[in-house]
């Protein structure tokens, strides 16, 4: 575990709470906790979005592991929310659709909450800029 894990979680939690208030998107506790940990886990990552999601989905489908689909859903949520490399997106809805499908394949609660969680995460970036 990263030596700064607790600091990351606290900072991310504060950012999520502020963004929920600003967007009037009050997330369920489990969804809120999930995106806080998602942010904290990816705080130092710089390689998000480097491999095509469609290829990752094909590989995950062949392997059939829920964790692979969960990882894809997480990456799509981060890319969609912060919009990373937006000019190279196939369509404006691509990462939302792929992320929702990936979470669905993992039978994860984020399938139903992708868009609302994305709005909260997007508000964080908008304020940080």
Protein backbone atom coordinates (compact mmCIF):
# COMPACT_ATOMS: atom_id res chain seq x y z
CA UNK A 1 0.00 0.00 0.00
CA UNK A 2 1.19 3.49 -0.83
CA UNK A 3 2.56 5.45 2.12
CA UNK A 4 0.15 8.28 1.27
CA UNK A 5 -2.96 6.06 1.01
CA UNK A 6 -4.82 7.61 3.97
CA UNK A 7 -4.11 11.14 2.71
CA UNK A 8 -5.33 10.20 -0.77
CA UNK A 9 -8.54 8.70 0.59
CA UNK A 10 -9.30 11.69 2.81
CA UNK A 11 -8.60 14.18 0.02
CA UNK A 12 -10.67 12.21 -2.48
CA UNK A 13 -13.53 11.85 0.00
CA UNK A 14 -13.56 15.60 0.63
CA UNK A 15 -13.54 16.28 -3.12
CA UNK A 16 -16.39 13.84 -3.75
CA UNK A 17 -18.54 15.33 -0.96
CA UNK A 18 -18.00 18.86 -2.28
CA UNK A 19 -18.77 17.78 -5.83
CA UNK A 20 -21.94 15.99 -4.76
CA UNK A 21 -23.19 19.21 -3.23
CA UNK A 22 -22.25 21.31 -6.27
CA UNK A 23 -23.86 18.91 -8.75
CA UNK A 24 -26.84 17.94 -6.57
CA UNK A 25 -25.86 14.31 -7.28
CA UNK A 26 -26.05 12.56 -3.94
CA UNK A 27 -24.60 9.12 -4.52
CA UNK A 28 -25.46 5.99 -2.60
CA UNK A 29 -22.90 5.32 0.13
CA UNK A 30 -21.43 2.28 -1.63
CA UNK A 31 -21.06 4.20 -4.92
CA UNK A 32 -19.53 7.16 -3.12
CA UNK A 33 -17.04 4.88 -1.33
CA UNK A 34 -16.23 3.13 -4.59
CA UNK A 35 -15.32 6.29 -6.47
CA UNK A 36 -13.32 7.64 -3.52
CA UNK A 37 -11.22 4.49 -3.55
CA UNK A 38 -11.06 4.50 -7.34
CA UNK A 39 -9.59 8.00 -7.26
CA UNK A 40 -7.18 7.14 -4.43
CA UNK A 41 -6.02 3.97 -6.21
CA UNK A 42 -5.33 5.91 -9.39
CA UNK A 43 -3.89 9.06 -7.85
CA UNK A 44 -0.40 8.49 -9.25
CA UNK A 45 -1.25 6.61 -12.46
CA UNK A 46 -0.17 8.17 -15.70
CA UNK A 47 -0.96 5.32 -18.13
CA UNK A 48 -4.76 5.55 -18.16
CA UNK A 49 -6.19 5.26 -21.66
CA UNK A 50 -3.05 4.07 -23.40
CA UNK A 51 -4.51 0.79 -24.66
CA UNK A 52 -7.70 0.60 -26.72
CA UNK A 53 -10.73 -0.27 -24.58
CA UNK A 54 -12.25 -2.40 -27.35
CA UNK A 55 -9.17 -4.63 -27.31
CA UNK A 56 -9.31 -4.88 -23.53
CA UNK A 57 -13.01 -5.80 -23.75
CA UNK A 58 -12.29 -8.53 -26.29
CA UNK A 59 -9.58 -9.97 -24.09
CA UNK A 60 -11.78 -9.79 -20.99
CA UNK A 61 -14.62 -11.50 -22.84
CA UNK A 62 -12.31 -14.36 -23.81
CA UNK A 63 -11.03 -14.76 -20.24
CA UNK A 64 -14.39 -14.18 -18.57
CA UNK A 65 -12.94 -12.78 -15.32
CA UNK A 66 -15.08 -10.24 -13.50
CA UNK A 67 -12.00 -8.34 -12.29
CA UNK A 68 -10.93 -7.67 -15.88
CA UNK A 69 -14.34 -6.15 -16.66
CA UNK A 70 -14.22 -4.15 -13.43
CA UNK A 71 -10.81 -2.73 -14.38
CA UNK A 72 -12.18 -1.73 -17.79
CA UNK A 73 -15.22 -0.08 -16.23
CA UNK A 74 -12.97 1.86 -13.87
CA UNK A 75 -10.72 3.05 -16.68
CA UNK A 76 -13.74 4.11 -18.76
CA UNK A 77 -15.20 6.01 -15.80
CA UNK A 78 -11.96 7.90 -15.26
CA UNK A 79 -11.51 8.72 -18.95
CA UNK A 80 -15.16 9.74 -19.37
CA UNK A 81 -15.23 11.82 -16.20
CA UNK A 82 -12.02 13.73 -16.63
CA UNK A 83 -12.23 13.65 -20.27
CA UNK A 84 -8.80 12.36 -21.13
CA UNK A 85 -7.69 12.46 -24.77
CA UNK A 86 -11.21 13.48 -25.82
CA UNK A 87 -10.22 14.31 -29.39
CA UNK A 88 -9.38 10.66 -30.04
CA UNK A 89 -12.68 9.27 -28.71
CA UNK A 90 -14.70 7.31 -31.31
CA UNK A 91 -17.89 9.09 -30.12
CA UNK A 92 -18.77 11.35 -27.15
CA UNK A 93 -20.71 8.44 -25.57
CA UNK A 94 -18.09 5.74 -26.18
CA UNK A 95 -16.52 5.50 -22.72
CA UNK A 96 -19.85 5.83 -20.96
CA UNK A 97 -21.29 2.97 -23.02
CA UNK A 98 -18.21 0.76 -22.76
CA UNK A 99 -17.85 1.40 -19.04
CA UNK A 100 -21.49 0.64 -18.36
CA UNK A 101 -21.23 -2.62 -20.32
CA UNK A 102 -17.99 -3.58 -18.54
CA UNK A 103 -19.51 -2.98 -15.11
CA UNK A 104 -22.55 -4.97 -16.20
CA UNK A 105 -20.36 -7.88 -17.27
CA UNK A 106 -18.77 -7.74 -13.80
CA UNK A 107 -22.25 -7.63 -12.20
CA UNK A 108 -21.20 -4.49 -10.36
CA UNK A 109 -23.36 -1.73 -8.84
CA UNK A 110 -21.55 0.89 -10.94
CA UNK A 111 -23.46 -0.31 -14.01
CA UNK A 112 -26.51 1.63 -12.77
CA UNK A 113 -24.50 4.56 -11.40
CA UNK A 114 -21.89 5.23 -14.10
CA UNK A 115 -23.37 8.50 -15.31
CA UNK A 116 -24.12 10.02 -11.89
CA UNK A 117 -20.67 9.03 -10.58
CA UNK A 118 -19.17 10.46 -13.76
CA UNK A 119 -20.88 13.81 -13.17
CA UNK A 120 -19.48 13.98 -9.64
CA UNK A 121 -15.99 13.07 -10.81
CA UNK A 122 -16.19 15.55 -13.70
CA UNK A 123 -17.08 18.35 -11.28
CA UNK A 124 -13.88 17.61 -9.35
CA UNK A 125 -11.74 18.18 -12.43
CA UNK A 126 -13.70 21.26 -13.45
CA UNK A 127 -12.96 22.85 -10.07
CA UNK A 128 -9.31 21.82 -10.02
CA UNK A 129 -8.47 23.31 -13.43
